[in-house]
Amino acid sequence: MADNTGPRDSRDSANSGGVRTALVFPGQGAQKQGMGETWREAESWPLVAGISEYTGVDVEDLLLKADDETLRRTDLAQIAVFTTEVLAHREAAAAGVLGEVAACAGHSLGEYTALYAAGALSLADAARLVAARGRAMRVCAERSPGTMAAVVRLDAETVEGLAARVQESGQELWVANVNAPGAIVVSGTADGVARLGEAAVESGGKVIPLKVGGAFHSPRMADAAAELEAALASVEFAAEHMPVVANVDARAYTGGGRWPDLELRQLTSPVRWEECVRTLADELGCTRFVELGPGRQLTGMIRRIAKDAATVPVDSSAAFAKLTAPSD
């Protein structure tokens, strides 16, 4: 009998022909002012009230009225992005335009929406976890300040080597995201990121500071992981669910037994997004990627990784038309 708590065996997921869809969900950073307006008249909008109840946050206000400064707050940004993704997913599923969904994945925060969409978590449990995660990360970042930056024009191996040099100089700096070829994100102290920036320029790269509230996906989030552990212990993951590819190891899981540990590790480990996309395309046979939620960040990354796959960003109700286009 297959172990449903472990990684999906790629031999069981070969492409059976036709379009196999992967649902992907972006993370924090995709938020924008008025992001809920496009869904305000949708049949799924009442879910906003439920998520407000589960999280203790006025989510409708976040989606319709909150300014950019408010949405930069880690805990509020995560709830807002999660809710928008849930609305997009619910509307697309109700419209019957997703086709054969073979697997799900999410970038950082988006992994929680992926678990909900795959049937691994109820909406209530997913929302509560997102709220707990956001609070824990915000408090941890206040206790242990840090920052992040995108490194472009350099490959992952080069950036990892530069990060090691920065660490040897006594600064805290780690690779936080491997998003796509030539698109790496680092995380650490302000001094560590500045030192990495100097080294990257010398190697022909460029560093772009990110407007974030902490050194996410690095060991500086260890306290957040400790706080999130209790929240993870209070929810129930389904024993069996649609494959979800995990950020920390880029492996597909079809059962809930491993997810508490995977989510704790995710807070302090790199997001291996490029590898996640390759797992979805090469091992799980996904030929179409549908990005559900605000923005189109993942779509741009996927086009650089799985160049033969179709990509469809669904960041508004009007975008559903693209899901039924003949080219899909």
C-alpha atoms as a PDB file:
ATOM      1  CA  MET A   1       0.000   0.000   0.000  1.00  0.00           C
ATOM      2  CA  ALA A   2       1.272   3.477  -0.845  1.00  0.00           C
ATOM      3  CA  ASP A   3       2.334   5.697   2.027  1.00  0.00           C
ATOM      4  CA  ASN A   4       0.042   8.684   1.636  1.00  0.00           C
ATOM      5  CA  THR A   5       1.986  10.705   4.180  1.00  0.00           C
ATOM      6  CA  GLY A   6       5.103  10.638   2.037  1.00  0.00           C
ATOM      7  CA  PRO A   7       6.187  12.000  -1.324  1.00  0.00           C
ATOM      8  CA  ARG A   8       4.183  11.137  -4.415  1.00  0.00           C
ATOM      9  CA  ASP A   9       5.791   8.442  -6.563  1.00  0.00           C
ATOM     10  CA  SER A  10       6.315   9.976 -10.005  1.00  0.00           C
ATOM     11  CA  ARG A  11       5.565   6.596 -11.612  1.00  0.00           C
ATOM     12  CA  ASP A  12       1.949   6.985 -10.471  1.00  0.00           C
ATOM     13  CA  SER A  13       1.622  10.466 -11.964  1.00  0.00           C
ATOM     14  CA  ALA A  14       2.680  10.113 -15.594  1.00  0.00           C
ATOM     15  CA  ASN A  15       0.778  12.292 -18.003  1.00  0.00           C
ATOM     16  CA  SER A  16      -2.309  10.379 -19.092  1.00  0.00           C
ATOM     17  CA  GLY A  17      -2.799  12.559 -22.152  1.00  0.00           C
ATOM     18  CA  GLY A  18      -4.543  15.855 -22.704  1.00  0.00           C
ATOM     19  CA  VAL A  19      -4.205  18.974 -20.588  1.00  0.00           C
ATOM     20  CA  ARG A  20      -3.237  18.356 -16.980  1.00  0.00           C
ATOM     21  CA  THR A  21      -3.518  21.495 -14.897  1.00  0.00           C
ATOM     22  CA  ALA A  22      -1.422  22.630 -11.944  1.00  0.00           C
ATOM     23  CA  LEU A  23      -2.979  25.259  -9.702  1.00  0.00           C
ATOM     24  CA  VAL A  24      -0.395  27.641  -8.274  1.00  0.00           C
ATOM     25  CA  PHE A  25      -0.823  30.383  -5.681  1.00  0.00           C
ATOM     26  CA  PRO A  26       1.455  33.391  -5.059  1.00  0.00           C
ATOM     27  CA  GLY A  27       2.776  34.517  -1.703  1.00  0.00           C
ATOM     28  CA  GLN A  28       3.182  37.720   0.248  1.00  0.00           C
ATOM     29  CA  GLY A  29       4.259  40.572  -1.982  1.00  0.00           C
ATOM     30  CA  ALA A  30       1.434  40.022  -4.470  1.00  0.00           C
ATOM     31  CA  GLN A  31      -0.938  42.224  -2.458  1.00  0.00           C
ATOM     32  CA  LYS A  32      -2.143  45.576  -3.783  1.00  0.00           C
ATOM     33  CA  GLN A  33      -4.665  48.200  -2.777  1.00  0.00           C
ATOM     34  CA  GLY A  34      -8.245  47.339  -3.800  1.00  0.00           C
ATOM     35  CA  MET A  35      -7.320  43.756  -4.632  1.00  0.00           C
ATOM     36  CA  GLY A  36     -10.763  42.464  -3.683  1.00  0.00           C
ATOM     37  CA  GLU A  37     -12.780  44.799  -5.896  1.00  0.00           C
ATOM     38  CA  THR A  38     -12.840  42.426  -8.875  1.00  0.00           C
ATOM     39  CA  TRP A  39     -14.440  39.721  -6.707  1.00  0.00           C
ATOM     40  CA  ARG A  40     -16.918  41.946  -4.856  1.00  0.00           C
ATOM     41  CA  GLU A  41     -19.898  40.848  -6.964  1.00  0.00           C
ATOM     42  CA  ALA A  42     -18.813  37.212  -7.147  1.00  0.00           C
ATOM     43  CA  GLU A  43     -20.954  34.456  -5.659  1.00  0.00           C
ATOM     44  CA  SER A  44     -18.008  33.480  -3.466  1.00  0.00           C
ATOM     45  CA  TRP A  45     -17.784  36.900  -1.774  1.00  0.00           C
ATOM     46  CA  PRO A  46     -19.651  35.694   1.373  1.00  0.00           C
ATOM     47  CA  LEU A  47     -16.542  33.611   2.124  1.00  0.00           C
ATOM     48  CA  VAL A  48     -14.902  36.887   3.161  1.00  0.00           C
ATOM     49  CA  ALA A  49     -17.155  37.102   6.207  1.00  0.00           C
ATOM     50  CA  GLY A  50     -16.245  33.568   7.186  1.00  0.00           C
ATOM     51  CA  ILE A  51     -12.514  34.212   6.875  1.00  0.00           C
ATOM     52  CA  SER A  52     -12.972  37.364   8.965  1.00  0.00           C
ATOM     53  CA  GLU A  53     -14.542  35.227  11.680  1.00  0.00           C
ATOM     54  CA  TYR A  54     -11.804  32.591  11.533  1.00  0.00           C
ATOM     55  CA  THR A  55      -8.973  35.135  11.676  1.00  0.00           C
ATOM     56  CA  GLY A  56     -10.430  37.909  13.819  1.00  0.00           C
ATOM     57  CA  VAL A  57      -9.604  40.468  11.105  1.00  0.00           C
ATOM     58  CA  ASP A  58     -11.947  42.680   9.063  1.00  0.00           C
ATOM     59  CA  VAL A  59     -10.969  41.088   5.756  1.00  0.00           C
ATOM     60  CA  GLU A  60     -13.477  43.033   3.666  1.00  0.00           C
ATOM     61  CA  ASP A  61     -11.855  46.268   4.787  1.00  0.00           C
ATOM     62  CA  LEU A  62      -8.425  44.857   3.903  1.00  0.00           C
ATOM     63  CA  LEU A  63      -9.524  43.863   0.413  1.00  0.00           C
ATOM     64  CA  LEU A  64     -11.415  47.027  -0.444  1.00  0.00           C
ATOM     65  CA  LYS A  65     -10.113  49.944   1.635  1.00  0.00           C
ATOM     66  CA  ALA A  66      -6.680  49.226   3.108  1.00  0.00           C
ATOM     67  CA  ASP A  67      -3.838  51.418   1.850  1.00  0.00           C
ATOM     68  CA  ASP A  68      -0.435  50.170   0.727  1.00  0.00           C
ATOM     69  CA  GLU A  69       1.142  50.842   4.128  1.00  0.00           C
ATOM     70  CA  THR A  70      -1.448  48.693   5.893  1.00  0.00           C
ATOM     71  CA  LEU A  71      -1.016  45.913   3.366  1.00  0.00           C
ATOM     72  CA  ARG A  72       2.741  45.872   3.922  1.00  0.00           C
ATOM     73  CA  ARG A  73       2.128  44.609   7.455  1.00  0.00           C
ATOM     74  CA  THR A  74       3.082  40.959   7.328  1.00  0.00           C
ATOM     75  CA  ASP A  75       0.113  39.486   9.178  1.00  0.00           C
ATOM     76  CA  LEU A  76      -2.482  41.539   7.304  1.00  0.00           C
ATOM     77  CA  ALA A  77      -0.852  41.052   3.902  1.00  0.00           C
ATOM     78  CA  GLN A  78      -0.920  37.279   4.303  1.00  0.00           C
ATOM     79  CA  ILE A  79      -4.609  37.165   5.220  1.00  0.00           C
ATOM     80  CA  ALA A  80      -5.493  39.487   2.314  1.00  0.00           C
ATOM     81  CA  VAL A  81      -3.554  37.486  -0.282  1.00  0.00           C
ATOM     82  CA  PHE A  82      -4.886  34.174   1.022  1.00  0.00           C
ATOM     83  CA  THR A  83      -8.485  35.405   0.861  1.00  0.00           C
ATOM     84  CA  THR A  84      -8.131  36.701  -2.687  1.00  0.00           C
ATOM     85  CA  GLU A  85      -6.686  33.365  -3.766  1.00  0.00           C
ATOM     86  CA  VAL A  86      -9.563  31.495  -2.143  1.00  0.00           C
ATOM     87  CA  LEU A  87     -12.086  33.695  -3.961  1.00  0.00           C
ATOM     88  CA  ALA A  88     -10.374  33.152  -7.312  1.00  0.00           C
ATOM     89  CA  HIS A  89     -10.168  29.401  -6.753  1.00  0.00           C
ATOM     90  CA  ARG A  90     -13.775  29.073  -5.637  1.00  0.00           C
ATOM     91  CA  GLU A  91     -15.050  31.073  -8.617  1.00  0.00           C
ATOM     92  CA  ALA A  92     -12.942  29.155 -11.130  1.00  0.00           C
ATOM     93  CA  ALA A  93     -13.963  25.806  -9.665  1.00  0.00           C
ATOM     94  CA  ALA A  94     -17.658  26.778  -9.646  1.00  0.00           C
ATOM     95  CA  ALA A  95     -17.417  27.919 -13.267  1.00  0.00           C
ATOM     96  CA  GLY A  96     -16.016  24.524 -14.251  1.00  0.00           C
ATOM     97  CA  VAL A  97     -13.122  26.001 -16.207  1.00  0.00           C
ATOM     98  CA  LEU A  98     -10.154  24.408 -14.444  1.00  0.00           C
ATOM     99  CA  GLY A  99     -10.226  21.135 -16.369  1.00  0.00           C
ATOM    100  CA  GLU A 100      -8.293  18.144 -15.030  1.00  0.00           C
ATOM    101  CA  VAL A 101      -6.436  19.458 -12.003  1.00  0.00           C
ATOM    102  CA  ALA A 102      -3.480  17.168 -11.377  1.00  0.00           C
ATOM    103  CA  ALA A 103      -1.674  18.966  -8.542  1.00  0.00           C
ATOM    104  CA  CYS A 104      -1.274  22.185  -6.576  1.00  0.00           C
ATOM    105  CA  ALA A 105       1.618  24.271  -5.277  1.00  0.00           C
ATOM    106  CA  GLY A 106       2.040  27.658  -3.668  1.00  0.00           C
ATOM    107  CA  HIS A 107       4.923  30.038  -3.156  1.00  0.00           C
ATOM    108  CA  SER A 108       5.582  30.497   0.579  1.00  0.00           C
ATOM    109  CA  LEU A 109       2.240  31.724   1.994  1.00  0.00           C
ATOM    110  CA  GLY A 110       0.558  30.382  -1.147  1.00  0.00           C
ATOM    111  CA  GLU A 111       1.334  26.853  -0.015  1.00  0.00           C
ATOM    112  CA  TYR A 112      -1.482  27.160   2.540  1.00  0.00           C
ATOM    113  CA  THR A 113      -3.971  28.037  -0.210  1.00  0.00           C
ATOM    114  CA  ALA A 114      -2.628  25.102  -2.208  1.00  0.00           C
ATOM    115  CA  LEU A 115      -3.307  22.788   0.734  1.00  0.00           C
ATOM    116  CA  TYR A 116      -6.863  24.130   0.959  1.00  0.00           C
ATOM    117  CA  ALA A 117      -7.441  23.780  -2.794  1.00  0.00           C
ATOM    118  CA  ALA A 118      -6.057  20.219  -2.737  1.00  0.00           C
ATOM    119  CA  GLY A 119      -8.414  19.169   0.062  1.00  0.00           C
ATOM    120  CA  ALA A 120      -5.700  18.826   2.685  1.00  0.00           C
ATOM    121  CA  LEU A 121      -7.141  21.576   4.923  1.00  0.00           C
ATOM    122  CA  SER A 122     -10.601  22.964   5.550  1.00  0.00           C
ATOM    123  CA  LEU A 123     -11.091  26.665   4.849  1.00  0.00           C
ATOM    124  CA  ALA A 124     -11.421  27.367   8.569  1.00  0.00           C
ATOM    125  CA  ASP A 125      -8.181  25.580   9.453  1.00  0.00           C
ATOM    126  CA  ALA A 126      -6.274  27.091   6.543  1.00  0.00           C
ATOM    127  CA  ALA A 127      -7.416  30.602   7.481  1.00  0.00           C
ATOM    128  CA  ARG A 128      -6.512  30.115  11.141  1.00  0.00           C
ATOM    129  CA  LEU A 129      -3.064  28.846  10.197  1.00  0.00           C
ATOM    130  CA  VAL A 130      -2.451  31.782   7.867  1.00  0.00           C
ATOM    131  CA  ALA A 131      -3.420  34.198  10.641  1.00  0.00           C
ATOM    132  CA  ALA A 132      -1.187  32.429  13.177  1.00  0.00           C
ATOM    133  CA  ARG A 133       1.705  32.280  10.729  1.00  0.00           C
ATOM    134  CA  GLY A 134       1.448  35.973   9.881  1.00  0.00           C
ATOM    135  CA  ARG A 135       1.340  37.004  13.539  1.00  0.00           C
ATOM    136  CA  ALA A 136       4.279  34.782  14.423  1.00  0.00           C
ATOM    137  CA  MET A 137       6.387  36.107  11.539  1.00  0.00           C
ATOM    138  CA  ARG A 138       5.563  39.720  12.349  1.00  0.00           C
ATOM    139  CA  VAL A 139       6.491  39.362  16.034  1.00  0.00           C
ATOM    140  CA  CYS A 140       9.655  37.461  15.160  1.00  0.00           C
ATOM    141  CA  ALA A 141      10.703  40.128  12.647  1.00  0.00           C
ATOM    142  CA  GLU A 142      10.213  42.837  15.266  1.00  0.00           C
ATOM    143  CA  ARG A 143      12.414  40.931  17.720  1.00  0.00           C
ATOM    144  CA  SER A 144      15.024  40.011  15.121  1.00  0.00           C
ATOM    145  CA  PRO A 145      15.019  42.676  12.369  1.00  0.00           C
ATOM    146  CA  GLY A 146      16.149  41.731   8.896  1.00  0.00           C
ATOM    147  CA  THR A 147      15.450  42.275   5.238  1.00  0.00           C
ATOM    148  CA  MET A 148      15.482  40.605   1.823  1.00  0.00           C
ATOM    149  CA  ALA A 149      16.669  41.406  -1.691  1.00  0.00           C
ATOM    150  CA  ALA A 150      16.296  39.946  -5.166  1.00  0.00           C
ATOM    151  CA  VAL A 151      19.480  39.025  -7.021  1.00  0.00           C
ATOM    152  CA  VAL A 152      19.240  39.033 -10.814  1.00  0.00           C
ATOM    153  CA  ARG A 153      21.600  38.014 -13.633  1.00  0.00           C
ATOM    154  CA  LEU A 154      23.375  35.429 -11.466  1.00  0.00           C
ATOM    155  CA  ASP A 155      22.646  31.712 -11.145  1.00  0.00           C
ATOM    156  CA  ALA A 156      21.807  29.999  -7.861  1.00  0.00           C
ATOM    157  CA  GLU A 157      25.237  28.393  -7.475  1.00  0.00           C
ATOM    158  CA  THR A 158      26.984  31.748  -7.808  1.00  0.00           C
ATOM    159  CA  VAL A 159      24.657  33.438  -5.317  1.00  0.00           C
ATOM    160  CA  GLU A 160      25.103  30.588  -2.849  1.00  0.00           C
ATOM    161  CA  GLY A 161      28.868  31.014  -3.137  1.00  0.00           C
ATOM    162  CA  LEU A 162      28.611  34.756  -2.540  1.00  0.00           C
ATOM    163  CA  ALA A 163      26.331  34.156   0.449  1.00  0.00           C
ATOM    164  CA  ALA A 164      28.904  31.792   1.932  1.00  0.00           C
ATOM    165  CA  ARG A 165      31.561  34.495   1.582  1.00  0.00           C
ATOM    166  CA  VAL A 166      29.324  36.991   3.367  1.00  0.00           C
ATOM    167  CA  GLN A 167      28.754  34.516   6.187  1.00  0.00           C
ATOM    168  CA  GLU A 168      32.496  33.959   6.489  1.00  0.00           C
ATOM    169  CA  SER A 169      32.883  37.727   7.002  1.00  0.00           C
ATOM    170  CA  GLY A 170      30.659  37.484  10.086  1.00  0.00           C
ATOM    171  CA  GLN A 171      27.377  38.699   8.566  1.00  0.00           C
ATOM    172  CA  GLU A 172      24.091  36.783   8.542  1.00  0.00           C
ATOM    173  CA  LEU A 173      22.921  36.119   4.990  1.00  0.00           C
ATOM    174  CA  TRP A 174      21.179  33.169   3.345  1.00  0.00           C
ATOM    175  CA  VAL A 175      19.547  32.210   0.048  1.00  0.00           C
ATOM    176  CA  ALA A 176      15.789  32.453   0.714  1.00  0.00           C
ATOM    177  CA  ASN A 177      14.122  31.746  -2.659  1.00  0.00           C
ATOM    178  CA  VAL A 178      15.318  30.078  -5.838  1.00  0.00           C
ATOM    179  CA  ASN A 179      12.477  31.318  -8.023  1.00  0.00           C
ATOM    180  CA  ALA A 180      13.662  30.827 -11.605  1.00  0.00           C
ATOM    181  CA  PRO A 181      16.907  30.904 -13.591  1.00  0.00           C
ATOM    182  CA  GLY A 182      18.625  34.171 -12.723  1.00  0.00           C
ATOM    183  CA  ALA A 183      16.001  35.073 -10.102  1.00  0.00           C
ATOM    184  CA  ILE A 184      17.250  34.430  -6.583  1.00  0.00           C
ATOM    185  CA  VAL A 185      16.209  36.084  -3.310  1.00  0.00           C
ATOM    186  CA  VAL A 186      18.469  36.432  -0.279  1.00  0.00           C
ATOM    187  CA  SER A 187      17.546  37.069   3.327  1.00  0.00           C
ATOM    188  CA  GLY A 188      19.459  38.291   6.367  1.00  0.00           C
ATOM    189  CA  THR A 189      20.525  41.346   8.314  1.00  0.00           C
ATOM    190  CA  ALA A 190      20.633  44.715   6.583  1.00  0.00           C
ATOM    191  CA  ASP A 191      24.439  44.642   6.753  1.00  0.00           C
ATOM    192  CA  GLY A 192      24.533  41.126   5.331  1.00  0.00           C
ATOM    193  CA  VAL A 193      22.292  42.022   2.406  1.00  0.00           C
ATOM    194  CA  ALA A 194      24.352  45.157   1.722  1.00  0.00           C
ATOM    195  CA  ARG A 195      27.552  43.098   1.694  1.00  0.00           C
ATOM    196  CA  LEU A 196      25.965  40.594  -0.682  1.00  0.00           C
ATOM    197  CA  GLY A 197      24.929  43.473  -2.931  1.00  0.00           C
ATOM    198  CA  GLU A 198      28.520  44.644  -3.264  1.00  0.00           C
ATOM    199  CA  ALA A 199      29.742  41.142  -4.065  1.00  0.00           C
ATOM    200  CA  ALA A 200      26.947  40.565  -6.589  1.00  0.00           C
ATOM    201  CA  VAL A 201      27.818  43.718  -8.551  1.00  0.00           C
ATOM    202  CA  GLU A 202      31.456  42.596  -8.725  1.00  0.00           C
ATOM    203  CA  SER A 203      30.233  39.303 -10.222  1.00  0.00           C
ATOM    204  CA  GLY A 204      28.051  40.978 -12.847  1.00  0.00           C
ATOM    205  CA  GLY A 205      24.762  40.779 -10.980  1.00  0.00           C
ATOM    206  CA  LYS A 206      22.325  43.280  -9.551  1.00  0.00           C
ATOM    207  CA  VAL A 207      20.557  43.412  -6.194  1.00  0.00           C
ATOM    208  CA  ILE A 208      17.070  44.887  -5.774  1.00  0.00           C
ATOM    209  CA  PRO A 209      15.921  45.552  -2.169  1.00  0.00           C
ATOM    210  CA  LEU A 210      12.495  44.160  -1.318  1.00  0.00           C
ATOM    211  CA  LYS A 211       9.911  45.950   0.805  1.00  0.00           C
ATOM    212  CA  VAL A 212       9.401  43.250   3.409  1.00  0.00           C
ATOM    213  CA  GLY A 213       9.149  43.239   7.167  1.00  0.00           C
ATOM    214  CA  GLY A 214      11.806  40.670   8.015  1.00  0.00           C
ATOM    215  CA  ALA A 215      14.398  38.111   6.981  1.00  0.00           C
ATOM    216  CA  PHE A 216      11.893  35.485   5.908  1.00  0.00           C
ATOM    217  CA  HIS A 217      12.825  31.916   4.959  1.00  0.00           C
ATOM    218  CA  SER A 218      16.008  32.109   6.996  1.00  0.00           C
ATOM    219  CA  PRO A 219      17.179  30.926  10.439  1.00  0.00           C
ATOM    220  CA  ARG A 220      16.158  34.344  11.781  1.00  0.00           C
ATOM    221  CA  MET A 221      12.559  33.039  11.669  1.00  0.00           C
ATOM    222  CA  ALA A 222      13.254  30.267  14.194  1.00  0.00           C
ATOM    223  CA  ASP A 223      11.137  31.914  16.900  1.00  0.00           C
ATOM    224  CA  ALA A 224       8.211  32.161  14.482  1.00  0.00           C
ATOM    225  CA  ALA A 225       8.459  28.434  13.809  1.00  0.00           C
ATOM    226  CA  ALA A 226       8.250  27.740  17.532  1.00  0.00           C
ATOM    227  CA  GLU A 227       5.047  29.800  17.787  1.00  0.00           C
ATOM    228  CA  LEU A 228       3.500  28.298  14.655  1.00  0.00           C
ATOM    229  CA  GLU A 229       4.027  24.770  15.947  1.00  0.00           C
ATOM    230  CA  ALA A 230       1.144  25.048  18.420  1.00  0.00           C
ATOM    231  CA  ALA A 231      -1.229  26.285  15.714  1.00  0.00           C
ATOM    232  CA  LEU A 232      -0.260  23.415  13.410  1.00  0.00           C
ATOM    233  CA  ALA A 233      -0.929  20.927  16.198  1.00  0.00           C
ATOM    234  CA  SER A 234      -4.475  22.277  16.588  1.00  0.00           C
ATOM    235  CA  VAL A 235      -5.648  21.562  13.015  1.00  0.00           C
ATOM    236  CA  GLU A 236      -6.281  18.382  11.085  1.00  0.00           C
ATOM    237  CA  PHE A 237      -4.693  17.613   7.720  1.00  0.00           C
ATOM    238  CA  ALA A 238      -6.566  15.169   5.493  1.00  0.00           C
ATOM    239  CA  ALA A 239      -5.143  11.647   5.375  1.00  0.00           C
ATOM    240  CA  GLU A 240      -5.396  11.706   1.567  1.00  0.00           C
ATOM    241  CA  HIS A 241      -5.538  14.662  -0.807  1.00  0.00           C
ATOM    242  CA  MET A 242      -4.563  15.850  -4.269  1.00  0.00           C
ATOM    243  CA  PRO A 243      -0.765  16.090  -4.733  1.00  0.00           C
ATOM    244  CA  VAL A 244       0.787  19.263  -3.336  1.00  0.00           C
ATOM    245  CA  VAL A 245       4.440  20.029  -4.095  1.00  0.00           C
ATOM    246  CA  ALA A 246       6.234  21.297  -0.996  1.00  0.00           C
ATOM    247  CA  ASN A 247       8.483  24.368  -1.017  1.00  0.00           C
ATOM    248  CA  VAL A 248      11.206  22.901   1.172  1.00  0.00           C
ATOM    249  CA  ASP A 249      12.058  19.793  -0.874  1.00  0.00           C
ATOM    250  CA  ALA A 250      10.109  20.169  -4.168  1.00  0.00           C
ATOM    251  CA  ARG A 251       8.465  16.774  -3.621  1.00  0.00           C
ATOM    252  CA  ALA A 252       4.770  16.001  -4.074  1.00  0.00           C
ATOM    253  CA  TYR A 253       2.800  14.788  -1.054  1.00  0.00           C
ATOM    254  CA  THR A 254      -0.632  13.186  -1.100  1.00  0.00           C
ATOM    255  CA  GLY A 255      -1.292  12.813   2.621  1.00  0.00           C
ATOM    256  CA  GLY A 256      -1.286  15.070   5.657  1.00  0.00           C
ATOM    257  CA  GLY A 257       1.132  13.333   7.999  1.00  0.00           C
ATOM    258  CA  ARG A 258       4.210  15.295   6.978  1.00  0.00           C
ATOM    259  CA  TRP A 259       2.720  18.773   6.539  1.00  0.00           C
ATOM    260  CA  PRO A 260       3.180  20.134  10.081  1.00  0.00           C
ATOM    261  CA  ASP A 261       6.917  19.458   9.856  1.00  0.00           C
ATOM    262  CA  LEU A 262       7.126  20.736   6.273  1.00  0.00           C
ATOM    263  CA  GLU A 263       5.433  24.018   7.209  1.00  0.00           C
ATOM    264  CA  LEU A 264       7.687  24.555  10.202  1.00  0.00           C
ATOM    265  CA  ARG A 265      10.749  23.945   8.037  1.00  0.00           C
ATOM    266  CA  GLN A 266       9.375  26.284   5.377  1.00  0.00           C
ATOM    267  CA  LEU A 267       9.686  29.296   7.702  1.00  0.00           C
ATOM    268  CA  THR A 268      13.438  28.876   8.056  1.00  0.00           C
ATOM    269  CA  SER A 269      14.331  27.165   4.762  1.00  0.00           C
ATOM    270  CA  PRO A 270      14.636  28.356   1.155  1.00  0.00           C
ATOM    271  CA  VAL A 271      11.609  28.222  -1.141  1.00  0.00           C
ATOM    272  CA  ARG A 272      12.757  25.959  -3.978  1.00  0.00           C
ATOM    273  CA  TRP A 273      10.214  27.266  -6.476  1.00  0.00           C
ATOM    274  CA  GLU A 274      12.146  26.480  -9.648  1.00  0.00           C
ATOM    275  CA  GLU A 275      12.408  22.845  -8.562  1.00  0.00           C
ATOM    276  CA  CYS A 276       8.717  22.806  -7.575  1.00  0.00           C
ATOM    277  CA  VAL A 277       7.730  23.844 -11.093  1.00  0.00           C
ATOM    278  CA  ARG A 278       9.981  21.188 -12.607  1.00  0.00           C
ATOM    279  CA  THR A 279       8.368  18.555 -10.369  1.00  0.00           C
ATOM    280  CA  LEU A 280       4.912  19.649 -11.506  1.00  0.00           C
ATOM    281  CA  ALA A 281       5.887  19.604 -15.183  1.00  0.00           C
ATOM    282  CA  ASP A 282       8.354  16.737 -15.444  1.00  0.00           C
ATOM    283  CA  GLU A 283       7.186  14.295 -12.753  1.00  0.00           C
ATOM    284  CA  LEU A 284       3.473  15.040 -12.455  1.00  0.00           C
ATOM    285  CA  GLY A 285       2.915  15.718 -16.143  1.00  0.00           C
ATOM    286  CA  CYS A 286       1.316  19.138 -15.779  1.00  0.00           C
ATOM    287  CA  THR A 287       1.009  20.901 -19.129  1.00  0.00           C
ATOM    288  CA  ARG A 288      -0.897  23.979 -17.972  1.00  0.00           C
ATOM    289  CA  PHE A 289      -0.272  26.233 -14.974  1.00  0.00           C
ATOM    290  CA  VAL A 290      -3.139  28.358 -13.665  1.00  0.00           C
ATOM    291  CA  GLU A 291      -2.061  31.096 -11.237  1.00  0.00           C
ATOM    292  CA  LEU A 292      -4.943  32.039  -8.942  1.00  0.00           C
ATOM    293  CA  GLY A 293      -4.721  35.242  -6.936  1.00  0.00           C
ATOM    294  CA  PRO A 294      -3.468  38.807  -7.180  1.00  0.00           C
ATOM    295  CA  GLY A 295      -0.721  39.641  -9.638  1.00  0.00           C
ATOM    296  CA  ARG A 296       1.118  37.505 -12.149  1.00  0.00           C
ATOM    297  CA  GLN A 297       4.464  36.925 -10.451  1.00  0.00           C
ATOM    298  CA  LEU A 298       4.415  33.136 -10.640  1.00  0.00           C
ATOM    299  CA  THR A 299       3.319  33.137 -14.270  1.00  0.00           C
ATOM    300  CA  GLY A 300       6.450  35.060 -15.236  1.00  0.00           C
ATOM    301  CA  MET A 301       8.654  32.632 -13.301  1.00  0.00           C
ATOM    302  CA  ILE A 302       6.986  29.545 -14.757  1.00  0.00           C
ATOM    303  CA  ARG A 303       7.442  30.790 -18.314  1.00  0.00           C
ATOM    304  CA  ARG A 304      11.191  30.831 -17.679  1.00  0.00           C
ATOM    305  CA  ILE A 305      11.220  27.315 -16.205  1.00  0.00           C
ATOM    306  CA  ALA A 306       8.640  25.200 -18.072  1.00  0.00           C
ATOM    307  CA  LYS A 307       8.784  26.913 -21.444  1.00  0.00           C
ATOM    308  CA  ASP A 308       6.543  24.426 -23.243  1.00  0.00           C
ATOM    309  CA  ALA A 309       3.721  24.647 -20.703  1.00  0.00           C
ATOM    310  CA  ALA A 310       0.665  26.892 -21.084  1.00  0.00           C
ATOM    311  CA  THR A 311       0.320  29.543 -18.379  1.00  0.00           C
ATOM    312  CA  VAL A 312      -2.891  31.321 -17.414  1.00  0.00           C
ATOM    313  CA  PRO A 313      -2.946  34.010 -14.709  1.00  0.00           C
ATOM    314  CA  VAL A 314      -6.366  34.465 -13.090  1.00  0.00           C
ATOM    315  CA  ASP A 315      -6.178  37.717 -11.153  1.00  0.00           C
ATOM    316  CA  SER A 316      -9.694  38.915 -11.963  1.00  0.00           C
ATOM    317  CA  SER A 317     -13.108  37.545 -12.870  1.00  0.00           C
ATOM    318  CA  ALA A 318     -12.551  38.655 -16.462  1.00  0.00           C
ATOM    319  CA  ALA A 319      -9.513  36.376 -16.699  1.00  0.00           C
ATOM    320  CA  PHE A 320     -11.709  33.262 -16.683  1.00  0.00           C
ATOM    321  CA  ALA A 321     -12.193  33.685 -20.430  1.00  0.00           C
ATOM    322  CA  LYS A 322      -8.539  32.753 -20.960  1.00  0.00           C
ATOM    323  CA  LEU A 323      -9.148  29.375 -19.337  1.00  0.00           C
ATOM    324  CA  THR A 324     -11.450  28.376 -22.179  1.00  0.00           C
ATOM    325  CA  ALA A 325      -9.358  29.763 -25.016  1.00  0.00           C
ATOM    326  CA  PRO A 326      -8.684  27.266 -27.852  1.00  0.00           C
ATOM    327  CA  SER A 327      -4.908  27.558 -27.283  1.00  0.00           C
ATOM    328  CA  ASP A 328      -5.346  25.896 -23.890  1.00  0.00           C
END
